[in-house]
Amino acid sequence: MEAEAAKYIGAGLAVIALAGVGVGIGNIFSSLVSSIARNPAARGEVFGIGILGFALTEAIALFALLISFLLLFAV
């Protein structure tokens, strides 16, 4: 196998994590909306935790994207 093809395969495998991140973000916000709909008084407490979960999940996507770019352009 050529090195160029291996780089593309590795970058593609690294980007697979983005599908899981999309599902995770969807779950976070669906739970956030559901909990606020059930108890609107707890919005202040729940919203901060939801945004923290979103940020941590999005960080995984950025790491996966960074790894794929490193495989493509630095190696």
Protein backbone atom coordinates (compact mmCIF):
# COMPACT_ATOMS: atom_id res chain seq x y z
CA MET A 1 0.00 0.00 0.00
CA GLU A 2 1.27 3.42 -0.81
CA ALA A 3 1.94 5.89 2.00
CA GLU A 4 -0.49 8.42 0.52
CA ALA A 5 -3.33 5.89 0.57
CA ALA A 6 -2.52 4.93 4.16
CA LYS A 7 -2.71 8.60 5.17
CA TYR A 8 -6.17 8.93 3.65
CA ILE A 9 -7.41 5.74 5.28
CA GLY A 10 -6.07 6.83 8.67
CA ALA A 11 -7.66 10.27 8.36
CA GLY A 12 -10.98 8.69 7.42
CA LEU A 13 -10.85 6.40 10.42
CA ALA A 14 -10.07 9.34 12.71
CA VAL A 15 -13.11 11.23 11.42
CA ILE A 16 -15.47 8.36 12.30
CA ALA A 17 -15.53 9.78 15.84
CA LEU A 18 -17.49 12.77 14.51
CA ALA A 19 -20.56 10.57 14.00
CA GLY A 20 -20.53 9.64 17.68
CA VAL A 21 -20.10 13.27 18.63
CA GLY A 22 -23.16 14.21 16.61
CA VAL A 23 -25.24 11.58 18.38
CA GLY A 24 -23.88 12.69 21.76
CA ILE A 25 -24.72 16.34 21.18
CA GLY A 26 -28.21 15.38 20.07
CA ASN A 27 -28.71 13.37 23.24
CA ILE A 28 -27.44 16.19 25.43
CA PHE A 29 -29.76 18.80 23.98
CA SER A 30 -32.78 16.48 23.83
CA SER A 31 -32.30 15.73 27.52
CA LEU A 32 -31.82 19.44 28.25
CA VAL A 33 -35.04 20.42 26.48
CA SER A 34 -36.93 17.57 28.13
CA SER A 35 -35.74 18.47 31.62
CA ILE A 36 -36.54 22.16 31.15
CA ALA A 37 -39.99 21.25 29.84
CA ARG A 38 -40.65 19.10 32.90
CA ASN A 39 -39.37 21.61 35.44
CA PRO A 40 -38.96 25.17 34.12
CA ALA A 41 -37.84 26.43 37.54
CA ALA A 42 -34.64 24.38 37.33
CA ARG A 43 -33.56 25.99 34.06
CA GLY A 44 -30.69 27.93 35.64
CA GLU A 45 -29.09 24.83 37.13
CA VAL A 46 -29.68 22.48 34.23
CA PHE A 47 -28.65 24.86 31.45
CA GLY A 48 -25.10 25.30 32.73
CA ILE A 49 -24.59 21.56 33.04
CA GLY A 50 -25.98 21.05 29.51
CA ILE A 51 -23.63 23.62 28.03
CA LEU A 52 -20.69 22.04 29.87
CA GLY A 53 -21.64 18.65 28.43
CA PHE A 54 -21.88 20.20 24.98
CA ALA A 55 -18.44 21.80 25.29
CA LEU A 56 -16.80 18.58 26.45
CA THR A 57 -18.44 16.58 23.69
CA GLU A 58 -17.47 19.15 21.08
CA ALA A 59 -13.87 18.98 22.34
CA ILE A 60 -13.78 15.32 21.34
CA ALA A 61 -14.83 16.33 17.82
CA LEU A 62 -12.09 18.91 17.64
CA PHE A 63 -9.49 16.39 18.81
CA ALA A 64 -10.62 13.88 16.17
CA LEU A 65 -10.50 16.55 13.47
CA LEU A 66 -7.05 17.63 14.64
CA ILE A 67 -5.76 14.06 14.44
CA SER A 68 -7.13 13.64 10.92
CA PHE A 69 -5.51 16.91 9.79
CA LEU A 70 -2.23 15.88 11.37
CA LEU A 71 -2.35 12.58 9.50
CA LEU A 72 -3.11 14.34 6.23
CA PHE A 73 -0.75 17.28 6.32
CA ALA A 74 2.02 16.65 8.87
CA VAL A 75 2.95 13.03 8.28
